[in-house]
N, C-alpha and C. Protein backbone atom coordinates (compact mmCIF):
# COMPACT_ATOMS: atom_id res chain seq x y z
N UNK A 1 5.72 21.61 3.09
CA UNK A 1 6.48 21.70 4.33
C UNK A 1 7.88 22.25 4.01
N UNK A 2 8.34 23.15 4.86
CA UNK A 2 9.64 23.78 4.69
C UNK A 2 10.76 22.74 4.75
N UNK A 3 11.69 22.82 3.79
CA UNK A 3 12.84 21.92 3.78
C UNK A 3 13.85 22.42 4.80
N UNK A 4 14.40 21.50 5.56
CA UNK A 4 15.40 21.85 6.56
C UNK A 4 16.79 21.53 6.03
N UNK A 5 17.75 22.34 6.41
CA UNK A 5 19.11 22.21 5.92
C UNK A 5 20.03 21.78 7.06
N UNK A 6 20.61 20.60 6.94
CA UNK A 6 21.51 20.09 7.97
C UNK A 6 22.94 20.11 7.45
N UNK A 7 23.87 20.56 8.28
CA UNK A 7 25.26 20.67 7.84
C UNK A 7 26.01 19.36 7.96
N UNK A 8 25.45 18.39 8.67
CA UNK A 8 26.07 17.08 8.82
C UNK A 8 24.99 16.06 9.16
N UNK A 9 25.35 14.80 9.11
CA UNK A 9 24.38 13.75 9.41
C UNK A 9 24.19 13.64 10.93
N UNK A 10 22.94 13.65 11.36
CA UNK A 10 22.59 13.49 12.77
C UNK A 10 21.43 12.50 12.88
N UNK A 11 21.04 12.17 14.10
CA UNK A 11 19.94 11.23 14.31
C UNK A 11 18.70 11.64 13.52
N UNK A 12 18.08 10.66 12.90
CA UNK A 12 16.87 10.90 12.12
C UNK A 12 15.79 11.58 12.96
N UNK A 13 15.64 11.15 14.21
CA UNK A 13 14.61 11.71 15.08
C UNK A 13 14.84 13.19 15.39
N UNK A 14 16.09 13.58 15.48
CA UNK A 14 16.40 15.00 15.70
C UNK A 14 16.07 15.79 14.43
N UNK A 15 16.41 15.22 13.29
CA UNK A 15 16.14 15.90 12.01
C UNK A 15 14.64 16.09 11.78
N UNK A 16 13.85 15.14 12.22
CA UNK A 16 12.41 15.17 11.92
C UNK A 16 11.57 15.86 12.99
N UNK A 17 12.12 16.06 14.19
CA UNK A 17 11.35 16.64 15.29
C UNK A 17 11.14 18.14 15.11
N UNK A 18 9.92 18.57 15.34
CA UNK A 18 9.60 19.99 15.40
C UNK A 18 8.39 20.13 16.31
N UNK A 19 7.80 21.30 16.42
CA UNK A 19 6.72 21.53 17.39
C UNK A 19 5.40 21.87 16.69
N UNK A 20 4.72 20.85 16.18
CA UNK A 20 3.44 21.10 15.51
C UNK A 20 2.34 21.50 16.50
N UNK A 21 1.28 22.05 15.95
CA UNK A 21 0.11 22.40 16.76
C UNK A 21 -1.12 21.59 16.35
N UNK A 22 -1.04 20.89 15.24
CA UNK A 22 -2.19 20.11 14.75
C UNK A 22 -2.17 18.72 15.39
N UNK A 23 -2.87 18.59 16.50
CA UNK A 23 -2.93 17.32 17.22
C UNK A 23 -4.19 16.56 16.88
N UNK A 24 -4.04 15.24 16.76
CA UNK A 24 -5.18 14.34 16.66
C UNK A 24 -5.65 14.06 18.09
N UNK A 25 -6.93 13.84 18.27
CA UNK A 25 -7.45 13.50 19.60
C UNK A 25 -7.26 12.02 19.92
N UNK A 26 -6.70 11.28 18.96
CA UNK A 26 -6.49 9.84 19.16
C UNK A 26 -5.66 9.59 20.42
N UNK A 27 -6.14 8.69 21.26
CA UNK A 27 -5.43 8.35 22.51
C UNK A 27 -4.08 7.71 22.19
N UNK A 28 -3.14 7.90 23.09
CA UNK A 28 -1.86 7.20 22.96
C UNK A 28 -1.74 6.22 24.12
N UNK A 29 -0.96 5.19 23.89
CA UNK A 29 -0.90 4.09 24.86
C UNK A 29 -0.13 4.47 26.12
N UNK A 30 -0.46 3.78 27.20
CA UNK A 30 0.29 3.93 28.45
C UNK A 30 1.75 3.54 28.22
N UNK A 31 1.97 2.54 27.38
CA UNK A 31 3.33 2.10 27.06
C UNK A 31 4.13 3.26 26.46
N UNK A 32 3.53 4.01 25.55
CA UNK A 32 4.22 5.16 24.96
C UNK A 32 4.50 6.24 26.00
N UNK A 33 3.54 6.50 26.87
CA UNK A 33 3.73 7.53 27.90
C UNK A 33 4.87 7.13 28.83
N UNK A 34 4.88 5.87 29.26
CA UNK A 34 5.95 5.39 30.14
C UNK A 34 7.30 5.48 29.42
N UNK A 35 7.33 5.16 28.14
CA UNK A 35 8.58 5.23 27.38
C UNK A 35 9.13 6.66 27.34
N UNK A 36 8.25 7.64 27.20
CA UNK A 36 8.71 9.04 27.19
C UNK A 36 9.30 9.41 28.54
N UNK A 37 8.64 9.00 29.60
CA UNK A 37 9.14 9.29 30.95
C UNK A 37 10.44 8.53 31.23
N UNK A 38 10.53 7.33 30.70
CA UNK A 38 11.76 6.53 30.86
C UNK A 38 12.93 7.19 30.13
N UNK A 39 12.68 7.69 28.93
CA UNK A 39 13.74 8.40 28.20
C UNK A 39 14.20 9.62 28.99
N UNK A 40 13.25 10.37 29.53
CA UNK A 40 13.59 11.55 30.33
C UNK A 40 14.36 11.15 31.58
N UNK A 41 13.99 10.05 32.18
CA UNK A 41 14.63 9.57 33.41
C UNK A 41 16.12 9.32 33.21
N UNK A 42 16.51 8.97 31.99
CA UNK A 42 17.91 8.65 31.72
C UNK A 42 18.72 9.83 31.20
N UNK A 43 18.18 11.01 31.28
CA UNK A 43 18.94 12.21 30.91
C UNK A 43 20.02 12.45 31.97
N UNK A 44 21.15 13.02 31.55
CA UNK A 44 22.19 13.35 32.53
C UNK A 44 21.77 14.52 33.41
N UNK A 45 22.33 14.56 34.61
CA UNK A 45 22.03 15.68 35.52
C UNK A 45 23.21 15.91 36.46
N UNK A 46 23.30 17.13 36.95
CA UNK A 46 24.35 17.52 37.88
C UNK A 46 24.31 16.64 39.13
N UNK A 47 25.42 16.01 39.47
CA UNK A 47 25.51 15.09 40.61
C UNK A 47 24.47 13.97 40.55
N UNK A 48 24.01 13.65 39.36
CA UNK A 48 22.98 12.63 39.17
C UNK A 48 21.75 12.91 40.03
N UNK A 49 21.46 14.19 40.23
CA UNK A 49 20.37 14.62 41.11
C UNK A 49 18.98 14.26 40.55
N UNK A 50 18.86 14.26 39.22
CA UNK A 50 17.59 13.96 38.57
C UNK A 50 16.47 14.83 39.15
N UNK A 51 16.59 16.15 39.01
CA UNK A 51 15.65 17.07 39.67
C UNK A 51 14.28 17.17 39.00
N UNK A 52 14.12 16.59 37.83
CA UNK A 52 12.86 16.70 37.10
C UNK A 52 11.76 15.89 37.78
N UNK A 53 10.56 16.44 37.67
CA UNK A 53 9.36 15.75 38.14
C UNK A 53 8.28 16.00 37.09
N UNK A 54 7.31 15.11 37.01
CA UNK A 54 6.29 15.20 35.97
C UNK A 54 4.89 15.10 36.57
N UNK A 55 3.98 15.86 36.01
CA UNK A 55 2.56 15.69 36.28
C UNK A 55 1.95 15.32 34.93
N UNK A 56 1.39 14.12 34.85
CA UNK A 56 0.87 13.60 33.59
C UNK A 56 -0.66 13.64 33.62
N UNK A 57 -1.23 14.25 32.60
CA UNK A 57 -2.69 14.32 32.46
C UNK A 57 -3.11 13.56 31.21
N UNK A 58 -3.94 12.52 31.41
CA UNK A 58 -4.42 11.75 30.25
C UNK A 58 -5.91 11.43 30.32
N UNK A 59 -6.48 11.36 31.51
CA UNK A 59 -7.93 11.13 31.61
C UNK A 59 -8.63 12.46 31.35
N UNK A 60 -9.91 12.41 31.02
CA UNK A 60 -10.66 13.64 30.77
C UNK A 60 -10.59 14.60 31.96
N UNK A 61 -10.72 14.06 33.16
CA UNK A 61 -10.69 14.88 34.37
C UNK A 61 -9.31 15.52 34.55
N UNK A 62 -8.25 14.72 34.37
CA UNK A 62 -6.88 15.24 34.51
C UNK A 62 -6.57 16.29 33.44
N UNK A 63 -7.02 16.02 32.22
CA UNK A 63 -6.77 16.96 31.12
C UNK A 63 -7.47 18.29 31.37
N UNK A 64 -8.71 18.24 31.83
CA UNK A 64 -9.44 19.49 32.09
C UNK A 64 -8.74 20.30 33.18
N UNK A 65 -8.24 19.61 34.18
CA UNK A 65 -7.51 20.28 35.26
C UNK A 65 -6.26 20.98 34.72
N UNK A 66 -5.48 20.28 33.89
CA UNK A 66 -4.26 20.89 33.35
C UNK A 66 -4.59 21.97 32.33
N UNK A 67 -5.62 21.75 31.54
CA UNK A 67 -6.01 22.78 30.56
C UNK A 67 -6.40 24.09 31.25
N UNK A 68 -6.86 23.99 32.49
CA UNK A 68 -7.28 25.20 33.21
C UNK A 68 -6.13 26.15 33.50
N UNK A 69 -4.89 25.68 33.38
CA UNK A 69 -3.74 26.55 33.64
C UNK A 69 -3.08 27.04 32.35
N UNK A 70 -3.55 26.56 31.21
CA UNK A 70 -2.97 26.93 29.92
C UNK A 70 -3.66 28.19 29.40
N UNK A 71 -2.88 29.12 28.85
CA UNK A 71 -3.47 30.36 28.32
C UNK A 71 -4.31 30.05 27.08
N UNK A 72 -5.31 30.89 26.84
CA UNK A 72 -6.27 30.65 25.76
C UNK A 72 -5.62 30.48 24.40
N UNK A 73 -4.58 31.28 24.10
CA UNK A 73 -3.95 31.18 22.78
C UNK A 73 -3.31 29.82 22.55
N UNK A 74 -2.90 29.13 23.59
CA UNK A 74 -2.38 27.77 23.45
C UNK A 74 -3.49 26.72 23.53
N UNK A 75 -4.55 27.04 24.24
CA UNK A 75 -5.67 26.08 24.34
C UNK A 75 -6.34 25.88 22.98
N UNK A 76 -6.29 26.87 22.13
CA UNK A 76 -6.89 26.77 20.79
C UNK A 76 -6.44 25.50 20.09
N UNK A 77 -5.17 25.15 20.25
CA UNK A 77 -4.65 23.95 19.59
C UNK A 77 -4.35 22.81 20.58
N UNK A 78 -3.90 23.13 21.79
CA UNK A 78 -3.48 22.07 22.71
C UNK A 78 -4.64 21.28 23.31
N UNK A 79 -5.86 21.81 23.24
CA UNK A 79 -7.01 21.08 23.75
C UNK A 79 -7.24 19.76 23.01
N UNK A 80 -6.68 19.63 21.82
CA UNK A 80 -6.81 18.38 21.07
C UNK A 80 -5.81 17.31 21.50
N UNK A 81 -4.74 17.71 22.18
CA UNK A 81 -3.71 16.74 22.58
C UNK A 81 -4.28 15.77 23.61
N UNK A 82 -4.08 14.46 23.42
CA UNK A 82 -4.62 13.48 24.35
C UNK A 82 -3.83 13.34 25.65
N UNK A 83 -2.62 13.92 25.68
CA UNK A 83 -1.79 13.88 26.88
C UNK A 83 -1.13 15.24 27.06
N UNK A 84 -1.12 15.70 28.30
CA UNK A 84 -0.37 16.91 28.67
C UNK A 84 0.55 16.53 29.82
N UNK A 85 1.78 16.99 29.75
CA UNK A 85 2.76 16.69 30.80
C UNK A 85 3.37 18.00 31.29
N UNK A 86 3.26 18.24 32.57
CA UNK A 86 3.90 19.41 33.17
C UNK A 86 5.25 18.96 33.72
N UNK A 87 6.29 19.74 33.41
CA UNK A 87 7.62 19.42 33.92
C UNK A 87 8.00 20.42 35.01
N UNK A 88 8.45 19.88 36.12
CA UNK A 88 8.91 20.66 37.26
C UNK A 88 10.39 20.32 37.49
N UNK A 89 11.07 21.17 38.25
CA UNK A 89 12.42 20.81 38.68
C UNK A 89 12.62 21.21 40.13
N UNK A 90 13.23 20.33 40.88
CA UNK A 90 13.50 20.58 42.30
C UNK A 90 14.65 21.57 42.39
N UNK A 91 14.45 22.65 43.14
CA UNK A 91 15.42 23.76 43.19
C UNK A 91 16.65 23.46 44.05
N UNK A 92 16.54 22.50 44.95
CA UNK A 92 17.66 22.22 45.85
C UNK A 92 18.15 20.78 45.70
N UNK A 93 19.42 20.59 46.05
CA UNK A 93 20.00 19.25 46.03
C UNK A 93 19.46 18.43 47.20
N UNK A 94 19.21 17.16 46.95
CA UNK A 94 18.78 16.26 48.02
C UNK A 94 19.92 16.02 49.02
N UNK A 95 21.15 15.92 48.51
CA UNK A 95 22.26 15.49 49.37
C UNK A 95 22.75 16.55 50.35
N UNK A 96 22.50 17.86 50.05
CA UNK A 96 22.99 18.87 50.99
C UNK A 96 22.01 20.04 51.21
N UNK A 97 20.89 20.04 50.50
CA UNK A 97 19.88 21.08 50.68
C UNK A 97 20.22 22.42 50.05
N UNK A 98 21.38 22.52 49.39
CA UNK A 98 21.78 23.79 48.77
C UNK A 98 21.08 23.97 47.43
N UNK A 99 21.07 25.23 46.97
CA UNK A 99 20.46 25.56 45.67
C UNK A 99 21.16 24.80 44.55
N UNK A 100 20.37 24.18 43.69
CA UNK A 100 20.88 23.49 42.51
C UNK A 100 20.70 24.43 41.32
N UNK A 101 21.75 25.16 40.98
CA UNK A 101 21.68 26.11 39.86
C UNK A 101 21.53 25.43 38.51
N UNK A 102 21.66 24.13 38.46
CA UNK A 102 21.56 23.38 37.20
C UNK A 102 20.21 22.70 37.02
N UNK A 103 19.32 22.82 37.99
CA UNK A 103 18.09 22.02 37.95
C UNK A 103 17.22 22.30 36.72
N UNK A 104 17.10 23.55 36.33
CA UNK A 104 16.27 23.87 35.16
C UNK A 104 16.95 23.38 33.88
N UNK A 105 18.27 23.54 33.81
CA UNK A 105 19.04 23.01 32.68
C UNK A 105 18.83 21.50 32.58
N UNK A 106 18.95 20.81 33.70
CA UNK A 106 18.78 19.36 33.71
C UNK A 106 17.37 18.94 33.31
N UNK A 107 16.36 19.67 33.79
CA UNK A 107 14.97 19.36 33.41
C UNK A 107 14.77 19.58 31.92
N UNK A 108 15.43 20.59 31.37
CA UNK A 108 15.37 20.83 29.93
C UNK A 108 16.00 19.70 29.14
N UNK A 109 17.08 19.15 29.67
CA UNK A 109 17.71 18.00 29.02
C UNK A 109 16.76 16.80 29.04
N UNK A 110 16.09 16.59 30.16
CA UNK A 110 15.11 15.50 30.26
C UNK A 110 13.99 15.69 29.24
N UNK A 111 13.52 16.93 29.08
CA UNK A 111 12.50 17.23 28.08
C UNK A 111 13.01 16.89 26.69
N UNK A 112 14.27 17.24 26.40
CA UNK A 112 14.84 16.94 25.10
C UNK A 112 14.85 15.44 24.82
N UNK A 113 15.26 14.66 25.79
CA UNK A 113 15.25 13.21 25.64
C UNK A 113 13.83 12.70 25.38
N UNK A 114 12.89 13.25 26.12
CA UNK A 114 11.49 12.87 25.97
C UNK A 114 11.00 13.17 24.55
N UNK A 115 11.35 14.33 24.04
CA UNK A 115 10.87 14.72 22.71
C UNK A 115 11.46 13.84 21.61
N UNK A 116 12.71 13.42 21.77
CA UNK A 116 13.33 12.55 20.77
C UNK A 116 12.70 11.15 20.80
N UNK A 117 12.43 10.65 21.99
CA UNK A 117 11.76 9.34 22.10
C UNK A 117 10.35 9.41 21.52
N UNK A 118 9.67 10.53 21.74
CA UNK A 118 8.33 10.70 21.15
C UNK A 118 8.42 10.63 19.63
N UNK A 119 9.37 11.33 19.07
CA UNK A 119 9.55 11.31 17.60
C UNK A 119 9.82 9.89 17.12
N UNK A 120 10.66 9.17 17.84
CA UNK A 120 10.99 7.79 17.46
C UNK A 120 9.74 6.92 17.45
N UNK A 121 8.78 7.23 18.29
CA UNK A 121 7.55 6.45 18.41
C UNK A 121 6.42 6.97 17.52
N UNK A 122 6.73 7.93 16.67
CA UNK A 122 5.70 8.47 15.77
C UNK A 122 4.75 9.43 16.45
N UNK A 123 5.18 10.00 17.57
CA UNK A 123 4.36 10.97 18.30
C UNK A 123 4.92 12.37 18.09
N UNK A 124 4.09 13.36 18.33
CA UNK A 124 4.55 14.75 18.26
C UNK A 124 4.47 15.36 19.66
N UNK A 125 5.31 16.36 19.87
CA UNK A 125 5.33 17.07 21.14
C UNK A 125 5.44 18.56 20.88
N UNK A 126 4.90 19.34 21.78
CA UNK A 126 5.02 20.80 21.69
C UNK A 126 5.06 21.34 23.11
N UNK A 127 6.21 21.88 23.49
CA UNK A 127 6.37 22.47 24.82
C UNK A 127 5.83 23.89 24.81
N UNK A 128 5.15 24.26 25.89
CA UNK A 128 4.52 25.58 25.98
C UNK A 128 5.08 26.37 27.15
N UNK A 129 5.30 27.66 26.90
CA UNK A 129 5.59 28.59 27.97
C UNK A 129 4.33 29.34 28.37
N UNK A 130 3.32 29.28 27.51
CA UNK A 130 2.07 30.01 27.74
C UNK A 130 1.13 29.26 28.65
N UNK A 131 1.44 29.33 29.94
CA UNK A 131 0.56 28.76 30.97
C UNK A 131 0.77 29.57 32.24
N UNK A 132 -0.13 29.41 33.17
CA UNK A 132 -0.12 30.22 34.40
C UNK A 132 0.60 29.48 35.52
N UNK A 133 1.80 29.94 35.84
CA UNK A 133 2.61 29.25 36.85
C UNK A 133 1.99 29.36 38.24
N UNK A 134 1.53 30.54 38.60
CA UNK A 134 0.96 30.72 39.94
C UNK A 134 -0.28 29.82 40.10
N UNK A 135 -1.13 29.82 39.09
CA UNK A 135 -2.33 28.98 39.15
C UNK A 135 -1.94 27.50 39.17
N UNK A 136 -0.91 27.13 38.39
CA UNK A 136 -0.43 25.74 38.38
C UNK A 136 -0.02 25.31 39.77
N UNK A 137 0.73 26.18 40.45
CA UNK A 137 1.19 25.87 41.81
C UNK A 137 0.00 25.63 42.75
N UNK A 138 -1.03 26.46 42.59
CA UNK A 138 -2.23 26.33 43.44
C UNK A 138 -3.04 25.08 43.10
N UNK A 139 -3.30 24.88 41.81
CA UNK A 139 -4.13 23.76 41.35
C UNK A 139 -3.51 22.41 41.72
N UNK A 140 -2.18 22.32 41.59
CA UNK A 140 -1.49 21.06 41.85
C UNK A 140 -0.79 21.01 43.21
N UNK A 141 -0.94 22.08 44.00
CA UNK A 141 -0.31 22.12 45.32
C UNK A 141 1.19 21.82 45.23
N UNK A 142 1.86 22.51 44.32
CA UNK A 142 3.28 22.30 44.07
C UNK A 142 4.09 23.07 45.11
N UNK A 143 4.97 22.38 45.84
CA UNK A 143 5.78 23.05 46.85
C UNK A 143 6.69 24.12 46.24
N UNK A 144 7.04 25.12 47.03
CA UNK A 144 7.89 26.22 46.57
C UNK A 144 9.28 25.75 46.17
N UNK A 145 9.70 24.58 46.64
CA UNK A 145 11.03 24.06 46.29
C UNK A 145 11.09 23.51 44.87
N UNK A 146 10.02 23.68 44.09
CA UNK A 146 9.99 23.19 42.71
C UNK A 146 9.70 24.34 41.76
N UNK A 147 10.52 24.44 40.72
CA UNK A 147 10.25 25.38 39.62
C UNK A 147 9.29 24.70 38.67
N UNK A 148 8.36 25.47 38.13
CA UNK A 148 7.42 24.95 37.14
C UNK A 148 7.96 25.39 35.79
N UNK A 149 8.37 24.43 34.98
CA UNK A 149 9.12 24.72 33.76
C UNK A 149 8.24 24.89 32.53
N UNK A 150 7.44 23.89 32.22
CA UNK A 150 6.68 23.90 30.97
C UNK A 150 5.51 22.92 31.04
N UNK A 151 4.60 23.06 30.10
CA UNK A 151 3.57 22.06 29.85
C UNK A 151 3.78 21.58 28.42
N UNK A 152 3.79 20.27 28.26
CA UNK A 152 4.04 19.67 26.95
C UNK A 152 2.78 18.96 26.46
N UNK A 153 2.40 19.26 25.24
CA UNK A 153 1.31 18.54 24.58
C UNK A 153 1.94 17.34 23.86
N UNK A 154 1.33 16.18 23.99
CA UNK A 154 1.84 14.95 23.39
C UNK A 154 0.69 14.26 22.66
N UNK A 155 0.98 13.75 21.46
CA UNK A 155 -0.04 13.00 20.73
C UNK A 155 0.43 12.62 19.35
N UNK A 156 -0.53 12.41 18.48
CA UNK A 156 -0.24 12.09 17.08
C UNK A 156 -0.62 13.30 16.23
N UNK A 157 0.04 13.39 15.08
CA UNK A 157 -0.22 14.53 14.21
C UNK A 157 -1.65 14.45 13.67
N UNK A 158 -2.32 15.60 13.68
CA UNK A 158 -3.70 15.69 13.23
C UNK A 158 -3.83 16.42 11.91
N UNK A 159 -4.98 16.98 11.68
CA UNK A 159 -5.30 17.69 10.44
C UNK A 159 -5.03 19.18 10.61
N UNK A 160 -4.02 19.69 9.94
CA UNK A 160 -3.67 21.10 10.10
C UNK A 160 -4.76 22.02 9.56
N UNK A 161 -5.62 21.51 8.69
CA UNK A 161 -6.71 22.32 8.15
C UNK A 161 -7.73 22.69 9.23
N UNK A 162 -7.71 22.00 10.35
CA UNK A 162 -8.63 22.31 11.45
C UNK A 162 -8.12 23.43 12.34
N UNK A 163 -6.88 23.86 12.12
CA UNK A 163 -6.31 24.96 12.89
C UNK A 163 -6.85 26.30 12.40
N UNK A 164 -6.89 27.31 13.27
CA UNK A 164 -7.24 28.67 12.81
C UNK A 164 -6.23 29.13 11.75
N UNK A 165 -6.64 30.02 10.87
CA UNK A 165 -5.80 30.46 9.75
C UNK A 165 -4.41 30.91 10.17
N UNK A 166 -4.31 31.72 11.24
CA UNK A 166 -3.00 32.23 11.65
C UNK A 166 -2.07 31.09 12.07
N UNK A 167 -2.60 30.06 12.69
CA UNK A 167 -1.77 28.93 13.11
C UNK A 167 -1.46 27.99 11.96
N UNK A 168 -2.40 27.89 11.03
CA UNK A 168 -2.18 27.05 9.84
C UNK A 168 -0.92 27.50 9.10
N UNK A 169 -0.74 28.82 9.00
CA UNK A 169 0.41 29.39 8.29
C UNK A 169 1.73 29.06 8.99
N UNK A 170 1.67 28.85 10.28
CA UNK A 170 2.88 28.57 11.06
C UNK A 170 3.16 27.08 11.20
N UNK A 171 2.33 26.24 10.65
CA UNK A 171 2.40 24.80 10.87
C UNK A 171 3.46 24.15 9.99
N UNK A 172 4.71 24.47 10.29
CA UNK A 172 5.85 23.85 9.63
C UNK A 172 7.08 24.05 10.51
N UNK A 173 8.12 23.25 10.29
CA UNK A 173 9.32 23.40 11.12
C UNK A 173 9.88 24.81 11.05
N UNK A 174 10.40 25.27 12.17
CA UNK A 174 10.98 26.61 12.23
C UNK A 174 12.31 26.69 11.50
N UNK A 175 12.66 27.90 11.12
CA UNK A 175 13.95 28.16 10.47
C UNK A 175 15.02 28.19 11.54
N UNK A 176 16.14 27.56 11.28
CA UNK A 176 17.25 27.51 12.22
C UNK A 176 18.36 28.46 11.80
N UNK A 177 19.02 29.03 12.78
CA UNK A 177 20.16 29.90 12.52
C UNK A 177 21.30 29.06 11.94
N UNK A 178 22.15 29.71 11.17
CA UNK A 178 23.34 29.06 10.63
C UNK A 178 24.23 28.63 11.80
N UNK A 179 24.80 27.44 11.70
CA UNK A 179 25.59 26.91 12.80
C UNK A 179 26.76 27.82 13.18
N UNK A 180 27.36 28.48 12.19
CA UNK A 180 28.50 29.37 12.49
C UNK A 180 28.08 30.56 13.34
N UNK A 181 26.84 31.00 13.20
CA UNK A 181 26.37 32.15 13.99
C UNK A 181 26.14 31.79 15.46
N UNK A 182 26.18 30.51 15.78
CA UNK A 182 25.95 30.05 17.15
C UNK A 182 27.25 29.84 17.93
N UNK A 183 28.38 29.97 17.24
CA UNK A 183 29.68 29.68 17.85
C UNK A 183 30.41 30.98 18.16
N UNK A 184 30.72 31.21 19.43
CA UNK A 184 31.54 32.37 19.81
C UNK A 184 32.99 32.09 19.45
N UNK A 185 33.67 33.11 18.97
CA UNK A 185 35.10 32.95 18.63
C UNK A 185 35.92 33.93 19.41
């Protein structure tokens, strides 16, 4: 596994979190699922709007429904995940009906909190952009006032040897840019 280089001490869960594709089919507890949603619920948001919404798939029927919107290249590995969570964000503020330009940012923050709690619980997560938004809206009857952000695979780490060769080679934490290159001066 690729060694990661940290410039300072940070939370262990942040240091250890990455986006694996080798999922075990082992079920995860309802308690763990609720804990991930609870962590997301406590993310900060503009005007405390909490625009994030979740569609959780864990039964065979629910999983098959959500898998139907995932592109084939992601289904190759995500079909093993015992839980899939779709994240949505409400586009308008509840208090005045105006456009909430921060809703996607806030939903992303909620996802970040969720991923750190998953790591703390010994679970892995992998957020996907490779899914069909239009089909998702139809399958789940999602109102137009909601952006469809991502589908997240959740579970325990599995056997990377079961992945196709091209994915096996990628099954390690990604390389991060140098911190100085991320700072505008």
